[in-house]
Amino acid sequence: MTFIILYLQIQVKNVSRLCHAKPIVTVNGRFPGPTIYVREGDRVLVNVTNHAKYNMSIHWYANLYLT
């Protein structure tokens, strides 16, 4: 069993695509946010700091891969 601590920084950044600037939400400066790898039995502590002007929620997706 492993204990994992994650620090996530939520920010809104302006991104220019096809000559249009648009604000997007980033996690640790990335969009999409980072991939988190854990194994069954691991303990995970997630510390999230929201630097955006408005409230956020994080939606987690889980995929099971048998190896």
PDB file of N, CA and C in Angstrom:
ATOM      1  N   MET A   1       0.851  -1.177   0.000  1.00  0.00           N
ATOM      2  CA  MET A   1       0.000   0.000   0.000  1.00  0.00           C
ATOM      3  C   MET A   1       0.896   1.239   0.000  1.00  0.00           C
ATOM      4  N   THR A   2       0.506   2.210  -0.801  1.00  0.00           N
ATOM      5  CA  THR A   2       1.252   3.455  -0.930  1.00  0.00           C
ATOM      6  C   THR A   2       0.357   4.615  -0.527  1.00  0.00           C
ATOM      7  N   PHE A   3       0.941   5.636   0.099  1.00  0.00           N
ATOM      8  CA  PHE A   3       0.222   6.855   0.434  1.00  0.00           C
ATOM      9  C   PHE A   3       0.670   7.929  -0.544  1.00  0.00           C
ATOM     10  N   ILE A   4      -0.277   8.489  -1.282  1.00  0.00           N
ATOM     11  CA  ILE A   4       0.022   9.460  -2.333  1.00  0.00           C
ATOM     12  C   ILE A   4      -0.615  10.791  -1.979  1.00  0.00           C
ATOM     13  N   ILE A   5       0.161  11.879  -2.056  1.00  0.00           N
ATOM     14  CA  ILE A   5      -0.365  13.221  -1.824  1.00  0.00           C
ATOM     15  C   ILE A   5      -0.313  13.984  -3.144  1.00  0.00           C
ATOM     16  N   LEU A   6      -1.460  14.519  -3.563  1.00  0.00           N
ATOM     17  CA  LEU A   6      -1.547  15.285  -4.801  1.00  0.00           C
ATOM     18  C   LEU A   6      -1.872  16.736  -4.477  1.00  0.00           C
ATOM     19  N   TYR A   7      -1.194  17.650  -5.121  1.00  0.00           N
ATOM     20  CA  TYR A   7      -1.472  19.075  -4.980  1.00  0.00           C
ATOM     21  C   TYR A   7      -1.970  19.581  -6.328  1.00  0.00           C
ATOM     22  N   LEU A   8      -3.223  20.009  -6.379  1.00  0.00           N
ATOM     23  CA  LEU A   8      -3.815  20.491  -7.617  1.00  0.00           C
ATOM     24  C   LEU A   8      -4.108  21.982  -7.499  1.00  0.00           C
ATOM     25  N   GLN A   9      -3.615  22.755  -8.451  1.00  0.00           N
ATOM     26  CA  GLN A   9      -3.832  24.196  -8.510  1.00  0.00           C
ATOM     27  C   GLN A   9      -4.777  24.483  -9.672  1.00  0.00           C
ATOM     28  N   ILE A  10      -5.967  25.007  -9.361  1.00  0.00           N
ATOM     29  CA  ILE A  10      -6.958  25.328 -10.383  1.00  0.00           C
ATOM     30  C   ILE A  10      -6.799  26.788 -10.770  1.00  0.00           C
ATOM     31  N   GLN A  11      -6.643  27.051 -12.072  1.00  0.00           N
ATOM     32  CA  GLN A  11      -6.478  28.420 -12.579  1.00  0.00           C
ATOM     33  C   GLN A  11      -7.239  28.571 -13.886  1.00  0.00           C
ATOM     34  N   VAL A  12      -7.623  29.794 -14.174  1.00  0.00           N
ATOM     35  CA  VAL A  12      -8.206  30.123 -15.477  1.00  0.00           C
ATOM     36  C   VAL A  12      -7.129  30.848 -16.272  1.00  0.00           C
ATOM     37  N   LYS A  13      -6.836  30.344 -17.466  1.00  0.00           N
ATOM     38  CA  LYS A  13      -5.827  30.958 -18.332  1.00  0.00           C
ATOM     39  C   LYS A  13      -6.447  31.288 -19.675  1.00  0.00           C
ATOM     40  N   ASN A  14      -5.990  32.361 -20.279  1.00  0.00           N
ATOM     41  CA  ASN A  14      -6.437  32.717 -21.622  1.00  0.00           C
ATOM     42  C   ASN A  14      -5.588  31.986 -22.645  1.00  0.00           C
ATOM     43  N   VAL A  15      -6.260  31.327 -23.559  1.00  0.00           N
ATOM     44  CA  VAL A  15      -5.581  30.556 -24.607  1.00  0.00           C
ATOM     45  C   VAL A  15      -6.054  31.068 -25.952  1.00  0.00           C
ATOM     46  N   SER A  16      -5.122  31.279 -26.861  1.00  0.00           N
ATOM     47  CA  SER A  16      -5.469  31.720 -28.219  1.00  0.00           C
ATOM     48  C   SER A  16      -5.439  30.523 -29.158  1.00  0.00           C
ATOM     49  N   ARG A  17      -6.570  30.287 -29.795  1.00  0.00           N
ATOM     50  CA  ARG A  17      -6.677  29.237 -30.799  1.00  0.00           C
ATOM     51  C   ARG A  17      -7.398  29.823 -32.000  1.00  0.00           C
ATOM     52  N   LEU A  18      -6.828  29.674 -33.164  1.00  0.00           N
ATOM     53  CA  LEU A  18      -7.426  30.172 -34.401  1.00  0.00           C
ATOM     54  C   LEU A  18      -7.817  31.643 -34.288  1.00  0.00           C
ATOM     55  N   CYS A  19      -6.907  32.442 -33.735  1.00  0.00           N
ATOM     56  CA  CYS A  19      -7.050  33.897 -33.636  1.00  0.00           C
ATOM     57  C   CYS A  19      -8.135  34.342 -32.652  1.00  0.00           C
ATOM     58  N   HIS A  20      -8.598  33.461 -31.797  1.00  0.00           N
ATOM     59  CA  HIS A  20      -9.592  33.827 -30.794  1.00  0.00           C
ATOM     60  C   HIS A  20      -9.046  33.488 -29.405  1.00  0.00           C
ATOM     61  N   ALA A  21      -9.071  34.475 -28.504  1.00  0.00           N
ATOM     62  CA  ALA A  21      -8.660  34.233 -27.119  1.00  0.00           C
ATOM     63  C   ALA A  21      -9.865  33.731 -26.338  1.00  0.00           C
ATOM     64  N   LYS A  22      -9.626  32.702 -25.528  1.00  0.00           N
ATOM     65  CA  LYS A  22     -10.712  32.099 -24.773  1.00  0.00           C
ATOM     66  C   LYS A  22     -10.179  31.665 -23.410  1.00  0.00           C
ATOM     67  N   PRO A  23     -10.914  31.960 -22.327  1.00  0.00           N
ATOM     68  CA  PRO A  23     -10.464  31.481 -21.012  1.00  0.00           C
ATOM     69  C   PRO A  23     -10.798  30.004 -20.831  1.00  0.00           C
ATOM     70  N   ILE A  24      -9.840  29.241 -20.324  1.00  0.00           N
ATOM     71  CA  ILE A  24     -10.079  27.829 -20.029  1.00  0.00           C
ATOM     72  C   ILE A  24      -9.598  27.536 -18.611  1.00  0.00           C
ATOM     73  N   VAL A  25     -10.192  26.547 -18.008  1.00  0.00           N
ATOM     74  CA  VAL A  25      -9.795  26.116 -16.674  1.00  0.00           C
ATOM     75  C   VAL A  25      -8.654  25.113 -16.818  1.00  0.00           C
ATOM     76  N   THR A  26      -7.574  25.336 -16.073  1.00  0.00           N
ATOM     77  CA  THR A  26      -6.429  24.430 -16.116  1.00  0.00           C
ATOM     78  C   THR A  26      -6.182  23.863 -14.725  1.00  0.00           C
ATOM     79  N   VAL A  27      -5.572  22.703 -14.693  1.00  0.00           N
ATOM     80  CA  VAL A  27      -5.153  22.069 -13.447  1.00  0.00           C
ATOM     81  C   VAL A  27      -3.641  21.934 -13.518  1.00  0.00           C
ATOM     82  N   ASN A  28      -2.951  22.587 -12.596  1.00  0.00           N
ATOM     83  CA  ASN A  28      -1.481  22.636 -12.597  1.00  0.00           C
ATOM     84  C   ASN A  28      -0.961  23.149 -13.938  1.00  0.00           C
ATOM     85  N   GLY A  29      -1.693  24.107 -14.523  1.00  0.00           N
ATOM     86  CA  GLY A  29      -1.271  24.727 -15.769  1.00  0.00           C
ATOM     87  C   GLY A  29      -1.540  23.910 -17.012  1.00  0.00           C
ATOM     88  N   ARG A  30      -2.239  22.793 -16.879  1.00  0.00           N
ATOM     89  CA  ARG A  30      -2.471  21.905 -18.021  1.00  0.00           C
ATOM     90  C   ARG A  30      -3.955  21.729 -18.301  1.00  0.00           C
ATOM     91  N   PHE A  31      -4.272  21.536 -19.565  1.00  0.00           N
ATOM     92  CA  PHE A  31      -5.621  21.165 -19.981  1.00  0.00           C
ATOM     93  C   PHE A  31      -5.518  20.076 -21.031  1.00  0.00           C
ATOM     94  N   PRO A  32      -6.098  18.933 -20.838  1.00  0.00           N
ATOM     95  CA  PRO A  32      -6.779  18.518 -19.621  1.00  0.00           C
ATOM     96  C   PRO A  32      -5.793  18.340 -18.475  1.00  0.00           C
ATOM     97  N   GLY A  33      -6.324  18.163 -17.291  1.00  0.00           N
ATOM     98  CA  GLY A  33      -5.483  18.015 -16.096  1.00  0.00           C
ATOM     99  C   GLY A  33      -4.653  16.747 -16.125  1.00  0.00           C
ATOM    100  N   PRO A  34      -3.833  16.549 -15.105  1.00  0.00           N
ATOM    101  CA  PRO A  34      -2.915  15.409 -15.088  1.00  0.00           C
ATOM    102  C   PRO A  34      -3.637  14.076 -14.909  1.00  0.00           C
ATOM    103  N   THR A  35      -3.022  13.030 -15.423  1.00  0.00           N
ATOM    104  CA  THR A  35      -3.508  11.672 -15.202  1.00  0.00           C
ATOM    105  C   THR A  35      -2.940  11.183 -13.874  1.00  0.00           C
ATOM    106  N   ILE A  36      -3.786  10.586 -13.074  1.00  0.00           N
ATOM    107  CA  ILE A  36      -3.378  10.110 -11.754  1.00  0.00           C
ATOM    108  C   ILE A  36      -3.394   8.583 -11.782  1.00  0.00           C
ATOM    109  N   TYR A  37      -2.274   7.979 -11.450  1.00  0.00           N
ATOM    110  CA  TYR A  37      -2.167   6.522 -11.441  1.00  0.00           C
ATOM    111  C   TYR A  37      -2.102   6.021 -10.007  1.00  0.00           C
ATOM    112  N   VAL A  38      -3.013   5.153  -9.636  1.00  0.00           N
ATOM    113  CA  VAL A  38      -3.009   4.523  -8.325  1.00  0.00           C
ATOM    114  C   VAL A  38      -3.371   3.055  -8.486  1.00  0.00           C
ATOM    115  N   ARG A  39      -3.088   2.298  -7.443  1.00  0.00           N
ATOM    116  CA  ARG A  39      -3.440   0.881  -7.436  1.00  0.00           C
ATOM    117  C   ARG A  39      -4.434   0.615  -6.311  1.00  0.00           C
ATOM    118  N   GLU A  40      -5.148  -0.470  -6.442  1.00  0.00           N
ATOM    119  CA  GLU A  40      -6.097  -0.845  -5.400  1.00  0.00           C
ATOM    120  C   GLU A  40      -5.376  -0.940  -4.063  1.00  0.00           C
ATOM    121  N   GLY A  41      -5.954  -0.316  -3.053  1.00  0.00           N
ATOM    122  CA  GLY A  41      -5.354  -0.323  -1.720  1.00  0.00           C
ATOM    123  C   GLY A  41      -4.538   0.924  -1.419  1.00  0.00           C
ATOM    124  N   ASP A  42      -4.161   1.707  -2.440  1.00  0.00           N
ATOM    125  CA  ASP A  42      -3.424   2.949  -2.208  1.00  0.00           C
ATOM    126  C   ASP A  42      -4.319   3.949  -1.485  1.00  0.00           C
ATOM    127  N   ARG A  43      -3.705   4.776  -0.686  1.00  0.00           N
ATOM    128  CA  ARG A  43      -4.421   5.871  -0.037  1.00  0.00           C
ATOM    129  C   ARG A  43      -3.989   7.162  -0.713  1.00  0.00           C
ATOM    130  N   VAL A  44      -4.974   8.004  -1.045  1.00  0.00           N
ATOM    131  CA  VAL A  44      -4.698   9.223  -1.808  1.00  0.00           C
ATOM    132  C   VAL A  44      -5.272  10.420  -1.066  1.00  0.00           C
ATOM    133  N   LEU A  45      -4.432  11.426  -0.844  1.00  0.00           N
ATOM    134  CA  LEU A  45      -4.856  12.703  -0.275  1.00  0.00           C
ATOM    135  C   LEU A  45      -4.742  13.739  -1.375  1.00  0.00           C
ATOM    136  N   VAL A  46      -5.855  14.409  -1.703  1.00  0.00           N
ATOM    137  CA  VAL A  46      -5.868  15.403  -2.770  1.00  0.00           C
ATOM    138  C   VAL A  46      -6.075  16.779  -2.149  1.00  0.00           C
ATOM    139  N   ASN A  47      -5.097  17.658  -2.331  1.00  0.00           N
ATOM    140  CA  ASN A  47      -5.150  19.023  -1.816  1.00  0.00           C
ATOM    141  C   ASN A  47      -5.381  19.949  -3.007  1.00  0.00           C
ATOM    142  N   VAL A  48      -6.570  20.554  -3.088  1.00  0.00           N
ATOM    143  CA  VAL A  48      -6.940  21.394  -4.227  1.00  0.00           C
ATOM    144  C   VAL A  48      -7.001  22.845  -3.780  1.00  0.00           C
ATOM    145  N   THR A  49      -6.316  23.721  -4.525  1.00  0.00           N
ATOM    146  CA  THR A  49      -6.388  25.162  -4.294  1.00  0.00           C
ATOM    147  C   THR A  49      -7.016  25.797  -5.522  1.00  0.00           C
ATOM    148  N   ASN A  50      -8.124  26.497  -5.310  1.00  0.00           N
ATOM    149  CA  ASN A  50      -8.850  27.123  -6.404  1.00  0.00           C
ATOM    150  C   ASN A  50      -8.419  28.592  -6.511  1.00  0.00           C
ATOM    151  N   HIS A  51      -7.724  28.937  -7.595  1.00  0.00           N
ATOM    152  CA  HIS A  51      -7.298  30.311  -7.844  1.00  0.00           C
ATOM    153  C   HIS A  51      -8.254  31.036  -8.796  1.00  0.00           C
ATOM    154  N   ALA A  52      -9.321  30.372  -9.209  1.00  0.00           N
ATOM    155  CA  ALA A  52     -10.300  30.981 -10.113  1.00  0.00           C
ATOM    156  C   ALA A  52     -11.218  31.910  -9.315  1.00  0.00           C
ATOM    157  N   LYS A  53     -11.932  32.761 -10.038  1.00  0.00           N
ATOM    158  CA  LYS A  53     -12.833  33.719  -9.396  1.00  0.00           C
ATOM    159  C   LYS A  53     -14.136  33.088  -8.942  1.00  0.00           C
ATOM    160  N   TYR A  54     -14.422  31.884  -9.384  1.00  0.00           N
ATOM    161  CA  TYR A  54     -15.695  31.254  -9.087  1.00  0.00           C
ATOM    162  C   TYR A  54     -15.469  29.833  -8.574  1.00  0.00           C
ATOM    163  N   ASN A  55     -16.503  29.275  -7.980  1.00  0.00           N
ATOM    164  CA  ASN A  55     -16.415  27.927  -7.418  1.00  0.00           C
ATOM    165  C   ASN A  55     -16.246  26.889  -8.525  1.00  0.00           C
ATOM    166  N   MET A  56     -15.569  25.819  -8.201  1.00  0.00           N
ATOM    167  CA  MET A  56     -15.313  24.739  -9.150  1.00  0.00           C
ATOM    168  C   MET A  56     -15.706  23.416  -8.527  1.00  0.00           C
ATOM    169  N   SER A  57     -15.999  22.465  -9.383  1.00  0.00           N
ATOM    170  CA  SER A  57     -16.120  21.076  -8.943  1.00  0.00           C
ATOM    171  C   SER A  57     -15.238  20.239  -9.857  1.00  0.00           C
ATOM    172  N   ILE A  58     -14.705  19.177  -9.314  1.00  0.00           N
ATOM    173  CA  ILE A  58     -13.835  18.292 -10.085  1.00  0.00           C
ATOM    174  C   ILE A  58     -14.589  16.988 -10.305  1.00  0.00           C
ATOM    175  N   HIS A  59     -14.624  16.560 -11.546  1.00  0.00           N
ATOM    176  CA  HIS A  59     -15.299  15.308 -11.896  1.00  0.00           C
ATOM    177  C   HIS A  59     -14.228  14.262 -12.162  1.00  0.00           C
ATOM    178  N   TRP A  60     -14.263  13.190 -11.425  1.00  0.00           N
ATOM    179  CA  TRP A  60     -13.265  12.132 -11.544  1.00  0.00           C
ATOM    180  C   TRP A  60     -13.797  11.007 -12.422  1.00  0.00           C
ATOM    181  N   TYR A  61     -12.960  10.514 -13.288  1.00  0.00           N
ATOM    182  CA  TYR A  61     -13.262   9.318 -14.089  1.00  0.00           C
ATOM    183  C   TYR A  61     -12.309   8.228 -13.647  1.00  0.00           C
ATOM    184  N   ALA A  62     -12.813   7.038 -13.534  1.00  0.00           N
ATOM    185  CA  ALA A  62     -11.957   5.908 -13.155  1.00  0.00           C
ATOM    186  C   ALA A  62     -12.016   4.867 -14.260  1.00  0.00           C
ATOM    187  N   ASN A  63     -10.862   4.384 -14.618  1.00  0.00           N
ATOM    188  CA  ASN A  63     -10.751   3.298 -15.592  1.00  0.00           C
ATOM    189  C   ASN A  63      -9.989   2.163 -14.941  1.00  0.00           C
ATOM    190  N   LEU A  64     -10.482   0.979 -15.097  1.00  0.00           N
ATOM    191  CA  LEU A  64      -9.844  -0.198 -14.534  1.00  0.00           C
ATOM    192  C   LEU A  64      -9.093  -0.936 -15.623  1.00  0.00           C
ATOM    193  N   TYR A  65      -7.807  -1.106 -15.404  1.00  0.00           N
ATOM    194  CA  TYR A  65      -6.986  -1.848 -16.353  1.00  0.00           C
ATOM    195  C   TYR A  65      -6.355  -3.026 -15.605  1.00  0.00           C
ATOM    196  N   LEU A  66      -6.634  -4.209 -16.040  1.00  0.00           N
ATOM    197  CA  LEU A  66      -6.059  -5.387 -15.418  1.00  0.00           C
ATOM    198  C   LEU A  66      -4.740  -5.709 -16.093  1.00  0.00           C
ATOM    199  N   THR A  67      -3.715  -5.901 -15.281  1.00  0.00           N
ATOM    200  CA  THR A  67      -2.406  -6.226 -15.852  1.00  0.00           C
ATOM    201  C   THR A  67      -1.901  -7.542 -15.299  1.00  0.00           C
TER     202      THR A  67
END
